[in-house]
């Protein structure tokens, strides 16, 4: 259990550092934040993306992956407990790996 907690802490710190670094680096991507419902509607309307996966980041946030049909585009969104969502990254050509034996998704 301690190992899982440590792993989650590292992920949380990495996510926070990524946000901080991307807002200060020259030529960095702009992080877009809005209410969760607005982000979801925008991704659906503009890119036909729907939630494909999600996971908890401790008790502080939810990390979501939105995918368009056939993985043409993807977006990674983090939402805090207040409902504020931010787009962390986006791209194209998402490839889904085959299922891993013993892991339910």
PDB file of N, CA and C in Angstrom:
ATOM      1  N   UNK A   1       0.827  -1.191   0.000  1.00  0.00           N
ATOM      2  CA  UNK A   1       0.000   0.000   0.000  1.00  0.00           C
ATOM      3  C   UNK A   1       0.870   1.253   0.000  1.00  0.00           C
ATOM      4  N   UNK A   2       1.963   1.220   0.775  1.00  0.00           N
ATOM      5  CA  UNK A   2       2.854   2.364   0.856  1.00  0.00           C
ATOM      6  C   UNK A   2       3.446   2.672  -0.529  1.00  0.00           C
ATOM      7  N   UNK A   3       3.772   1.618  -1.291  1.00  0.00           N
ATOM      8  CA  UNK A   3       4.344   1.791  -2.628  1.00  0.00           C
ATOM      9  C   UNK A   3       3.352   2.477  -3.563  1.00  0.00           C
ATOM     10  N   UNK A   4       2.085   2.084  -3.495  1.00  0.00           N
ATOM     11  CA  UNK A   4       1.048   2.699  -4.329  1.00  0.00           C
ATOM     12  C   UNK A   4       0.905   4.168  -3.982  1.00  0.00           C
ATOM     13  N   UNK A   5       0.893   4.485  -2.677  1.00  0.00           N
ATOM     14  CA  UNK A   5       0.775   5.879  -2.250  1.00  0.00           C
ATOM     15  C   UNK A   5       1.949   6.704  -2.769  1.00  0.00           C
ATOM     16  N   UNK A   6       3.158   6.154  -2.692  1.00  0.00           N
ATOM     17  CA  UNK A   6       4.337   6.856  -3.174  1.00  0.00           C
ATOM     18  C   UNK A   6       4.242   7.100  -4.676  1.00  0.00           C
ATOM     19  N   UNK A   7       3.789   6.095  -5.416  1.00  0.00           N
ATOM     20  CA  UNK A   7       3.634   6.220  -6.861  1.00  0.00           C
ATOM     21  C   UNK A   7       2.638   7.333  -7.192  1.00  0.00           C
ATOM     22  N   UNK A   8       1.530   7.371  -6.477  1.00  0.00           N
ATOM     23  CA  UNK A   8       0.518   8.403  -6.716  1.00  0.00           C
ATOM     24  C   UNK A   8       1.049   9.784  -6.363  1.00  0.00           C
ATOM     25  N   UNK A   9       1.834   9.873  -5.307  1.00  0.00           N
ATOM     26  CA  UNK A   9       2.428  11.150  -4.927  1.00  0.00           C
ATOM     27  C   UNK A   9       3.368  11.647  -6.019  1.00  0.00           C
ATOM     28  N   UNK A  10       4.158  10.757  -6.569  1.00  0.00           N
ATOM     29  CA  UNK A  10       5.073  11.137  -7.653  1.00  0.00           C
ATOM     30  C   UNK A  10       4.286  11.643  -8.864  1.00  0.00           C
ATOM     31  N   UNK A  11       3.193  10.964  -9.210  1.00  0.00           N
ATOM     32  CA  UNK A  11       2.372  11.391 -10.343  1.00  0.00           C
ATOM     33  C   UNK A  11       1.780  12.771 -10.079  1.00  0.00           C
ATOM     34  N   UNK A  12       1.296  13.006  -8.870  1.00  0.00           N
ATOM     35  CA  UNK A  12       0.715  14.299  -8.515  1.00  0.00           C
ATOM     36  C   UNK A  12       1.755  15.404  -8.631  1.00  0.00           C
ATOM     37  N   UNK A  13       2.941  15.157  -8.112  1.00  0.00           N
ATOM     38  CA  UNK A  13       4.019  16.145  -8.192  1.00  0.00           C
ATOM     39  C   UNK A  13       4.404  16.389  -9.642  1.00  0.00           C
ATOM     40  N   UNK A  14       4.482  15.327 -10.440  1.00  0.00           N
ATOM     41  CA  UNK A  14       4.811  15.473 -11.852  1.00  0.00           C
ATOM     42  C   UNK A  14       3.771  16.322 -12.578  1.00  0.00           C
ATOM     43  N   UNK A  15       2.483  16.068 -12.301  1.00  0.00           N
ATOM     44  CA  UNK A  15       1.415  16.837 -12.950  1.00  0.00           C
ATOM     45  C   UNK A  15       1.517  18.309 -12.577  1.00  0.00           C
ATOM     46  N   UNK A  16       1.754  18.596 -11.295  1.00  0.00           N
ATOM     47  CA  UNK A  16       1.877  19.980 -10.849  1.00  0.00           C
ATOM     48  C   UNK A  16       3.098  20.650 -11.482  1.00  0.00           C
ATOM     49  N   UNK A  17       4.203  19.920 -11.546  1.00  0.00           N
ATOM     50  CA  UNK A  17       5.414  20.471 -12.160  1.00  0.00           C
ATOM     51  C   UNK A  17       5.219  20.720 -13.644  1.00  0.00           C
ATOM     52  N   UNK A  18       4.500  19.835 -14.299  1.00  0.00           N
ATOM     53  CA  UNK A  18       4.227  20.017 -15.726  1.00  0.00           C
ATOM     54  C   UNK A  18       3.419  21.269 -15.972  1.00  0.00           C
ATOM     55  N   UNK A  19       2.431  21.502 -15.121  1.00  0.00           N
ATOM     56  CA  UNK A  19       1.609  22.706 -15.255  1.00  0.00           C
ATOM     57  C   UNK A  19       2.465  23.943 -15.050  1.00  0.00           C
ATOM     58  N   UNK A  20       3.281  23.938 -14.010  1.00  0.00           N
ATOM     59  CA  UNK A  20       4.124  25.102 -13.722  1.00  0.00           C
ATOM     60  C   UNK A  20       5.142  25.340 -14.828  1.00  0.00           C
ATOM     61  N   UNK A  21       5.786  24.288 -15.292  1.00  0.00           N
ATOM     62  CA  UNK A  21       6.812  24.432 -16.331  1.00  0.00           C
ATOM     63  C   UNK A  21       6.216  24.902 -17.641  1.00  0.00           C
ATOM     64  N   UNK A  22       5.059  24.397 -17.987  1.00  0.00           N
ATOM     65  CA  UNK A  22       4.480  24.756 -19.277  1.00  0.00           C
ATOM     66  C   UNK A  22       4.010  26.195 -19.304  1.00  0.00           C
ATOM     67  N   UNK A  23       3.711  26.778 -18.154  1.00  0.00           N
ATOM     68  CA  UNK A  23       3.245  28.158 -18.162  1.00  0.00           C
ATOM     69  C   UNK A  23       4.401  29.145 -18.167  1.00  0.00           C
ATOM     70  N   UNK A  24       5.637  28.676 -17.882  1.00  0.00           N
ATOM     71  CA  UNK A  24       6.764  29.593 -17.842  1.00  0.00           C
ATOM     72  C   UNK A  24       7.729  29.426 -19.008  1.00  0.00           C
ATOM     73  N   UNK A  25       7.708  28.298 -19.666  1.00  0.00           N
ATOM     74  CA  UNK A  25       8.652  28.059 -20.750  1.00  0.00           C
ATOM     75  C   UNK A  25       8.283  28.871 -21.984  1.00  0.00           C
ATOM     76  N   UNK A  26       9.287  29.383 -22.664  1.00  0.00           N
ATOM     77  CA  UNK A  26       9.048  30.147 -23.893  1.00  0.00           C
ATOM     78  C   UNK A  26       8.442  29.236 -24.950  1.00  0.00           C
ATOM     79  N   UNK A  27       7.383  29.704 -25.576  1.00  0.00           N
ATOM     80  CA  UNK A  27       6.745  28.933 -26.638  1.00  0.00           C
ATOM     81  C   UNK A  27       5.957  27.736 -26.132  1.00  0.00           C
ATOM     82  N   UNK A  28       5.660  27.716 -24.846  1.00  0.00           N
ATOM     83  CA  UNK A  28       4.945  26.576 -24.270  1.00  0.00           C
ATOM     84  C   UNK A  28       3.483  26.586 -24.687  1.00  0.00           C
ATOM     85  N   UNK A  29       2.860  25.400 -24.636  1.00  0.00           N
ATOM     86  CA  UNK A  29       1.438  25.309 -24.898  1.00  0.00           C
ATOM     87  C   UNK A  29       0.685  26.094 -23.842  1.00  0.00           C
ATOM     88  N   UNK A  30      -0.419  26.688 -24.242  1.00  0.00           N
ATOM     89  CA  UNK A  30      -1.273  27.396 -23.312  1.00  0.00           C
ATOM     90  C   UNK A  30      -2.194  26.381 -22.641  1.00  0.00           C
ATOM     91  N   UNK A  31      -2.285  26.440 -21.341  1.00  0.00           N
ATOM     92  CA  UNK A  31      -3.186  25.552 -20.619  1.00  0.00           C
ATOM     93  C   UNK A  31      -4.535  26.238 -20.538  1.00  0.00           C
ATOM     94  N   UNK A  32      -5.549  25.563 -21.044  1.00  0.00           N
ATOM     95  CA  UNK A  32      -6.903  26.100 -21.058  1.00  0.00           C
ATOM     96  C   UNK A  32      -7.671  25.496 -19.905  1.00  0.00           C
ATOM     97  N   UNK A  33      -8.294  26.346 -19.087  1.00  0.00           N
ATOM     98  CA  UNK A  33      -9.086  25.889 -17.954  1.00  0.00           C
ATOM     99  C   UNK A  33     -10.485  26.485 -18.033  1.00  0.00           C
ATOM    100  N   UNK A  34     -11.461  25.705 -17.600  1.00  0.00           N
ATOM    101  CA  UNK A  34     -12.855  26.142 -17.562  1.00  0.00           C
ATOM    102  C   UNK A  34     -13.618  25.158 -16.696  1.00  0.00           C
ATOM    103  N   UNK A  35     -14.920  25.382 -16.558  1.00  0.00           N
ATOM    104  CA  UNK A  35     -15.755  24.422 -15.844  1.00  0.00           C
ATOM    105  C   UNK A  35     -15.746  23.107 -16.610  1.00  0.00           C
ATOM    106  N   UNK A  36     -15.838  21.998 -15.871  1.00  0.00           N
ATOM    107  CA  UNK A  36     -15.756  20.678 -16.482  1.00  0.00           C
ATOM    108  C   UNK A  36     -16.764  20.509 -17.615  1.00  0.00           C
ATOM    109  N   UNK A  37     -17.993  20.909 -17.399  1.00  0.00           N
ATOM    110  CA  UNK A  37     -19.038  20.758 -18.425  1.00  0.00           C
ATOM    111  C   UNK A  37     -18.682  21.500 -19.704  1.00  0.00           C
ATOM    112  N   UNK A  38     -18.055  22.659 -19.586  1.00  0.00           N
ATOM    113  CA  UNK A  38     -17.658  23.439 -20.764  1.00  0.00           C
ATOM    114  C   UNK A  38     -16.559  22.736 -21.548  1.00  0.00           C
ATOM    115  N   UNK A  39     -15.581  22.183 -20.840  1.00  0.00           N
ATOM    116  CA  UNK A  39     -14.490  21.455 -21.502  1.00  0.00           C
ATOM    117  C   UNK A  39     -15.046  20.232 -22.229  1.00  0.00           C
ATOM    118  N   UNK A  40     -15.905  19.467 -21.550  1.00  0.00           N
ATOM    119  CA  UNK A  40     -16.491  18.258 -22.144  1.00  0.00           C
ATOM    120  C   UNK A  40     -17.285  18.615 -23.397  1.00  0.00           C
ATOM    121  N   UNK A  41     -18.098  19.664 -23.329  1.00  0.00           N
ATOM    122  CA  UNK A  41     -18.903  20.087 -24.483  1.00  0.00           C
ATOM    123  C   UNK A  41     -18.007  20.533 -25.637  1.00  0.00           C
ATOM    124  N   UNK A  42     -16.970  21.300 -25.333  1.00  0.00           N
ATOM    125  CA  UNK A  42     -16.036  21.766 -26.366  1.00  0.00           C
ATOM    126  C   UNK A  42     -15.360  20.587 -27.070  1.00  0.00           C
ATOM    127  N   UNK A  43     -14.859  19.626 -26.296  1.00  0.00           N
ATOM    128  CA  UNK A  43     -14.167  18.482 -26.896  1.00  0.00           C
ATOM    129  C   UNK A  43     -15.113  17.648 -27.762  1.00  0.00           C
ATOM    130  N   UNK A  44     -16.352  17.516 -27.322  1.00  0.00           N
ATOM    131  CA  UNK A  44     -17.342  16.758 -28.091  1.00  0.00           C
ATOM    132  C   UNK A  44     -17.703  17.496 -29.381  1.00  0.00           C
ATOM    133  N   UNK A  45     -17.964  18.786 -29.287  1.00  0.00           N
ATOM    134  CA  UNK A  45     -18.388  19.571 -30.452  1.00  0.00           C
ATOM    135  C   UNK A  45     -17.276  19.767 -31.480  1.00  0.00           C
ATOM    136  N   UNK A  46     -16.083  20.077 -31.010  1.00  0.00           N
ATOM    137  CA  UNK A  46     -14.983  20.413 -31.926  1.00  0.00           C
ATOM    138  C   UNK A  46     -14.236  19.199 -32.466  1.00  0.00           C
ATOM    139  N   UNK A  47     -14.115  18.141 -31.654  1.00  0.00           N
ATOM    140  CA  UNK A  47     -13.276  17.008 -32.039  1.00  0.00           C
ATOM    141  C   UNK A  47     -13.977  15.652 -31.963  1.00  0.00           C
ATOM    142  N   UNK A  48     -15.252  15.655 -31.570  1.00  0.00           N
ATOM    143  CA  UNK A  48     -16.021  14.422 -31.382  1.00  0.00           C
ATOM    144  C   UNK A  48     -15.351  13.512 -30.357  1.00  0.00           C
ATOM    145  N   UNK A  49     -14.693  14.115 -29.367  1.00  0.00           N
ATOM    146  CA  UNK A  49     -14.006  13.349 -28.339  1.00  0.00           C
ATOM    147  C   UNK A  49     -14.941  13.074 -27.162  1.00  0.00           C
ATOM    148  N   UNK A  50     -14.878  11.837 -26.675  1.00  0.00           N
ATOM    149  CA  UNK A  50     -15.624  11.414 -25.500  1.00  0.00           C
ATOM    150  C   UNK A  50     -14.648  10.799 -24.510  1.00  0.00           C
ATOM    151  N   UNK A  51     -15.045  10.758 -23.243  1.00  0.00           N
ATOM    152  CA  UNK A  51     -14.181  10.193 -22.209  1.00  0.00           C
ATOM    153  C   UNK A  51     -13.892   8.722 -22.510  1.00  0.00           C
ATOM    154  N   UNK A  52     -12.612   8.386 -22.589  1.00  0.00           N
ATOM    155  CA  UNK A  52     -12.202   7.018 -22.867  1.00  0.00           C
ATOM    156  C   UNK A  52     -11.644   6.318 -21.650  1.00  0.00           C
ATOM    157  N   UNK A  53     -11.142   7.087 -20.690  1.00  0.00           N
ATOM    158  CA  UNK A  53     -10.575   6.521 -19.469  1.00  0.00           C
ATOM    159  C   UNK A  53     -10.447   7.634 -18.435  1.00  0.00           C
ATOM    160  N   UNK A  54     -10.370   7.236 -17.172  1.00  0.00           N
ATOM    161  CA  UNK A  54     -10.153   8.208 -16.105  1.00  0.00           C
ATOM    162  C   UNK A  54      -9.524   7.527 -14.906  1.00  0.00           C
ATOM    163  N   UNK A  55      -8.937   8.335 -14.043  1.00  0.00           N
ATOM    164  CA  UNK A  55      -8.351   7.823 -12.816  1.00  0.00           C
ATOM    165  C   UNK A  55      -8.278   8.917 -11.777  1.00  0.00           C
ATOM    166  N   UNK A  56      -8.262   8.514 -10.520  1.00  0.00           N
ATOM    167  CA  UNK A  56      -8.186   9.468  -9.423  1.00  0.00           C
ATOM    168  C   UNK A  56      -6.736   9.852  -9.162  1.00  0.00           C
ATOM    169  N   UNK A  57      -6.526  11.117  -8.853  1.00  0.00           N
ATOM    170  CA  UNK A  57      -5.222  11.617  -8.426  1.00  0.00           C
ATOM    171  C   UNK A  57      -5.381  11.925  -6.940  1.00  0.00           C
ATOM    172  N   UNK A  58      -5.185  10.890  -6.131  1.00  0.00           N
ATOM    173  CA  UNK A  58      -5.439  11.015  -4.695  1.00  0.00           C
ATOM    174  C   UNK A  58      -6.894  11.368  -4.466  1.00  0.00           C
ATOM    175  N   UNK A  59      -7.140  12.269  -3.519  1.00  0.00           N
ATOM    176  CA  UNK A  59      -8.501  12.749  -3.290  1.00  0.00           C
ATOM    177  C   UNK A  59      -8.643  14.193  -3.755  1.00  0.00           C
ATOM    178  N   UNK A  60      -7.718  14.627  -4.606  1.00  0.00           N
ATOM    179  CA  UNK A  60      -7.674  16.025  -5.033  1.00  0.00           C
ATOM    180  C   UNK A  60      -8.153  16.272  -6.455  1.00  0.00           C
ATOM    181  N   UNK A  61      -8.088  15.251  -7.335  1.00  0.00           N
ATOM    182  CA  UNK A  61      -8.399  15.508  -8.741  1.00  0.00           C
ATOM    183  C   UNK A  61      -8.716  14.216  -9.483  1.00  0.00           C
ATOM    184  N   UNK A  62      -9.275  14.395 -10.669  1.00  0.00           N
ATOM    185  CA  UNK A  62      -9.541  13.294 -11.592  1.00  0.00           C
ATOM    186  C   UNK A  62      -8.801  13.602 -12.884  1.00  0.00           C
ATOM    187  N   UNK A  63      -8.090  12.619 -13.399  1.00  0.00           N
ATOM    188  CA  UNK A  63      -7.394  12.736 -14.672  1.00  0.00           C
ATOM    189  C   UNK A  63      -8.213  11.966 -15.702  1.00  0.00           C
ATOM    190  N   UNK A  64      -8.561  12.618 -16.820  1.00  0.00           N
ATOM    191  CA  UNK A  64      -9.403  11.997 -17.831  1.00  0.00           C
ATOM    192  C   UNK A  64      -8.717  12.019 -19.190  1.00  0.00           C
ATOM    193  N   UNK A  65      -8.953  10.968 -19.946  1.00  0.00           N
ATOM    194  CA  UNK A  65      -8.488  10.881 -21.322  1.00  0.00           C
ATOM    195  C   UNK A  65      -9.715  10.909 -22.223  1.00  0.00           C
ATOM    196  N   UNK A  66      -9.768  11.879 -23.126  1.00  0.00           N
ATOM    197  CA  UNK A  66     -10.850  11.981 -24.103  1.00  0.00           C
ATOM    198  C   UNK A  66     -10.306  11.554 -25.458  1.00  0.00           C
ATOM    199  N   UNK A  67     -11.086  10.740 -26.172  1.00  0.00           N
ATOM    200  CA  UNK A  67     -10.658  10.200 -27.463  1.00  0.00           C
ATOM    201  C   UNK A  67     -11.726  10.437 -28.522  1.00  0.00           C
ATOM    202  N   UNK A  68     -11.277  10.729 -29.730  1.00  0.00           N
ATOM    203  CA  UNK A  68     -12.205  10.800 -30.854  1.00  0.00           C
ATOM    204  C   UNK A  68     -12.297   9.412 -31.490  1.00  0.00           C
ATOM    205  N   UNK A  69     -13.292   9.219 -32.377  1.00  0.00           N
ATOM    206  CA  UNK A  69     -13.420   7.910 -33.033  1.00  0.00           C
ATOM    207  C   UNK A  69     -12.118   7.491 -33.724  1.00  0.00           C
ATOM    208  N   UNK A  70     -11.777   6.236 -33.602  1.00  0.00           N
ATOM    209  CA  UNK A  70     -10.571   5.644 -34.176  1.00  0.00           C
ATOM    210  C   UNK A  70      -9.287   6.335 -33.718  1.00  0.00           C
ATOM    211  N   UNK A  71      -9.329   7.064 -32.598  1.00  0.00           N
ATOM    212  CA  UNK A  71      -8.127   7.672 -32.029  1.00  0.00           C
ATOM    213  C   UNK A  71      -7.509   8.774 -32.862  1.00  0.00           C
ATOM    214  N   UNK A  72      -8.310   9.409 -33.719  1.00  0.00           N
ATOM    215  CA  UNK A  72      -7.777  10.487 -34.563  1.00  0.00           C
ATOM    216  C   UNK A  72      -7.181  11.606 -33.720  1.00  0.00           C
ATOM    217  N   UNK A  73      -7.858  11.986 -32.618  1.00  0.00           N
ATOM    218  CA  UNK A  73      -7.332  12.995 -31.698  1.00  0.00           C
ATOM    219  C   UNK A  73      -7.559  12.526 -30.270  1.00  0.00           C
ATOM    220  N   UNK A  74      -6.798  13.085 -29.329  1.00  0.00           N
ATOM    221  CA  UNK A  74      -6.942  12.781 -27.913  1.00  0.00           C
ATOM    222  C   UNK A  74      -6.631  14.023 -27.094  1.00  0.00           C
ATOM    223  N   UNK A  75      -7.206  14.071 -25.888  1.00  0.00           N
ATOM    224  CA  UNK A  75      -6.982  15.191 -24.974  1.00  0.00           C
ATOM    225  C   UNK A  75      -6.907  14.655 -23.555  1.00  0.00           C
ATOM    226  N   UNK A  76      -5.940  15.150 -22.785  1.00  0.00           N
ATOM    227  CA  UNK A  76      -5.768  14.780 -21.390  1.00  0.00           C
ATOM    228  C   UNK A  76      -6.234  15.960 -20.534  1.00  0.00           C
ATOM    229  N   UNK A  77      -7.208  15.708 -19.644  1.00  0.00           N
ATOM    230  CA  UNK A  77      -7.833  16.757 -18.835  1.00  0.00           C
ATOM    231  C   UNK A  77      -7.703  16.392 -17.362  1.00  0.00           C
ATOM    232  N   UNK A  78      -7.398  17.383 -16.526  1.00  0.00           N
ATOM    233  CA  UNK A  78      -7.398  17.183 -15.083  1.00  0.00           C
ATOM    234  C   UNK A  78      -8.461  18.088 -14.479  1.00  0.00           C
ATOM    235  N   UNK A  79      -9.240  17.529 -13.547  1.00  0.00           N
ATOM    236  CA  UNK A  79     -10.320  18.274 -12.905  1.00  0.00           C
ATOM    237  C   UNK A  79     -10.125  18.225 -11.397  1.00  0.00           C
ATOM    238  N   UNK A  80     -10.160  19.407 -10.750  1.00  0.00           N
ATOM    239  CA  UNK A  80      -9.992  19.436  -9.297  1.00  0.00           C
ATOM    240  C   UNK A  80     -11.338  19.269  -8.598  1.00  0.00           C
ATOM    241  N   UNK A  81     -11.309  19.241  -7.281  1.00  0.00           N
ATOM    242  CA  UNK A  81     -12.512  18.986  -6.482  1.00  0.00           C
ATOM    243  C   UNK A  81     -13.575  20.061  -6.651  1.00  0.00           C
ATOM    244  N   UNK A  82     -13.191  21.264  -7.068  1.00  0.00           N
ATOM    245  CA  UNK A  82     -14.160  22.349  -7.252  1.00  0.00           C
ATOM    246  C   UNK A  82     -14.871  22.270  -8.602  1.00  0.00           C
ATOM    247  N   UNK A  83     -14.397  21.380  -9.498  1.00  0.00           N
ATOM    248  CA  UNK A  83     -15.002  21.259 -10.822  1.00  0.00           C
ATOM    249  C   UNK A  83     -14.266  22.026 -11.902  1.00  0.00           C
ATOM    250  N   UNK A  84     -13.143  22.644 -11.552  1.00  0.00           N
ATOM    251  CA  UNK A  84     -12.325  23.353 -12.542  1.00  0.00           C
ATOM    252  C   UNK A  84     -11.501  22.325 -13.310  1.00  0.00           C
ATOM    253  N   UNK A  85     -11.603  22.354 -14.629  1.00  0.00           N
ATOM    254  CA  UNK A  85     -10.861  21.425 -15.486  1.00  0.00           C
ATOM    255  C   UNK A  85      -9.837  22.181 -16.300  1.00  0.00           C
ATOM    256  N   UNK A  86      -8.705  21.537 -16.533  1.00  0.00           N
ATOM    257  CA  UNK A  86      -7.656  22.118 -17.374  1.00  0.00           C
ATOM    258  C   UNK A  86      -7.183  21.072 -18.373  1.00  0.00           C
ATOM    259  N   UNK A  87      -6.983  21.510 -19.609  1.00  0.00           N
ATOM    260  CA  UNK A  87      -6.431  20.634 -20.632  1.00  0.00           C
ATOM    261  C   UNK A  87      -4.922  20.615 -20.443  1.00  0.00           C
ATOM    262  N   UNK A  88      -4.378  19.435 -20.148  1.00  0.00           N
ATOM    263  CA  UNK A  88      -2.942  19.291 -19.914  1.00  0.00           C
ATOM    264  C   UNK A  88      -2.169  19.035 -21.195  1.00  0.00           C
ATOM    265  N   UNK A  89      -2.753  18.245 -22.085  1.00  0.00           N
ATOM    266  CA  UNK A  89      -2.069  17.887 -23.330  1.00  0.00           C
ATOM    267  C   UNK A  89      -3.109  17.417 -24.337  1.00  0.00           C
ATOM    268  N   UNK A  90      -2.751  17.511 -25.598  1.00  0.00           N
ATOM    269  CA  UNK A  90      -3.626  17.045 -26.673  1.00  0.00           C
ATOM    270  C   UNK A  90      -2.751  16.625 -27.840  1.00  0.00           C
ATOM    271  N   UNK A  91      -3.286  15.723 -28.657  1.00  0.00           N
ATOM    272  CA  UNK A  91      -2.515  15.268 -29.797  1.00  0.00           C
ATOM    273  C   UNK A  91      -3.369  14.462 -30.753  1.00  0.00           C
ATOM    274  N   UNK A  92      -2.699  13.704 -31.588  1.00  0.00           N
ATOM    275  CA  UNK A  92      -3.420  12.877 -32.555  1.00  0.00           C
ATOM    276  C   UNK A  92      -2.798  11.490 -32.618  1.00  0.00           C
ATOM    277  N   UNK A  93      -3.430  10.614 -33.376  1.00  0.00           N
ATOM    278  CA  UNK A  93      -2.948   9.242 -33.620  1.00  0.00           C
ATOM    279  C   UNK A  93      -2.792   8.426 -32.340  1.00  0.00           C
ATOM    280  N   UNK A  94      -3.829   8.412 -31.511  1.00  0.00           N
ATOM    281  CA  UNK A  94      -3.810   7.602 -30.293  1.00  0.00           C
ATOM    282  C   UNK A  94      -3.858   6.129 -30.671  1.00  0.00           C
ATOM    283  N   UNK A  95      -2.997   5.328 -30.079  1.00  0.00           N
ATOM    284  CA  UNK A  95      -2.975   3.882 -30.308  1.00  0.00           C
ATOM    285  C   UNK A  95      -3.260   3.177 -28.996  1.00  0.00           C
ATOM    286  N   UNK A  96      -4.252   2.314 -28.993  1.00  0.00           N
ATOM    287  CA  UNK A  96      -4.611   1.551 -27.799  1.00  0.00           C
ATOM    288  C   UNK A  96      -3.834   0.241 -27.800  1.00  0.00           C
ATOM    289  N   UNK A  97      -3.117  -0.052 -26.711  1.00  0.00           N
ATOM    290  CA  UNK A  97      -2.388  -1.304 -26.576  1.00  0.00           C
ATOM    291  C   UNK A  97      -3.383  -2.420 -26.283  1.00  0.00           C
ATOM    292  N   UNK A  98      -3.030  -3.644 -26.632  1.00  0.00           N
ATOM    293  CA  UNK A  98      -3.897  -4.779 -26.307  1.00  0.00           C
ATOM    294  C   UNK A  98      -4.104  -4.886 -24.804  1.00  0.00           C
ATOM    295  N   UNK A  99      -5.196  -5.497 -24.392  1.00  0.00           N
ATOM    296  CA  UNK A  99      -5.477  -5.666 -22.961  1.00  0.00           C
ATOM    297  C   UNK A  99      -4.340  -6.402 -22.266  1.00  0.00           C
ATOM    298  N   UNK A 100      -4.078  -6.010 -21.050  1.00  0.00           N
ATOM    299  CA  UNK A 100      -3.066  -6.653 -20.231  1.00  0.00           C
ATOM    300  C   UNK A 100      -3.758  -7.707 -19.385  1.00  0.00           C
ATOM    301  N   UNK A 101      -3.275  -8.927 -19.433  1.00  0.00           N
ATOM    302  CA  UNK A 101      -3.885 -10.032 -18.690  1.00  0.00           C
ATOM    303  C   UNK A 101      -3.976  -9.691 -17.206  1.00  0.00           C
ATOM    304  N   UNK A 102      -5.157  -9.880 -16.635  1.00  0.00           N
ATOM    305  CA  UNK A 102      -5.354  -9.668 -15.202  1.00  0.00           C
ATOM    306  C   UNK A 102      -5.666  -8.252 -14.815  1.00  0.00           C
ATOM    307  N   UNK A 103      -5.729  -7.309 -15.756  1.00  0.00           N
ATOM    308  CA  UNK A 103      -6.037  -5.926 -15.444  1.00  0.00           C
ATOM    309  C   UNK A 103      -7.371  -5.567 -16.083  1.00  0.00           C
ATOM    310  N   UNK A 104      -8.344  -5.216 -15.232  1.00  0.00           N
ATOM    311  CA  UNK A 104      -9.645  -4.787 -15.738  1.00  0.00           C
ATOM    312  C   UNK A 104      -9.626  -3.287 -15.941  1.00  0.00           C
ATOM    313  N   UNK A 105     -10.115  -2.840 -17.086  1.00  0.00           N
ATOM    314  CA  UNK A 105     -10.183  -1.397 -17.345  1.00  0.00           C
ATOM    315  C   UNK A 105     -11.579  -0.980 -17.652  1.00  0.00           C
TER     316      UNK A 105
END
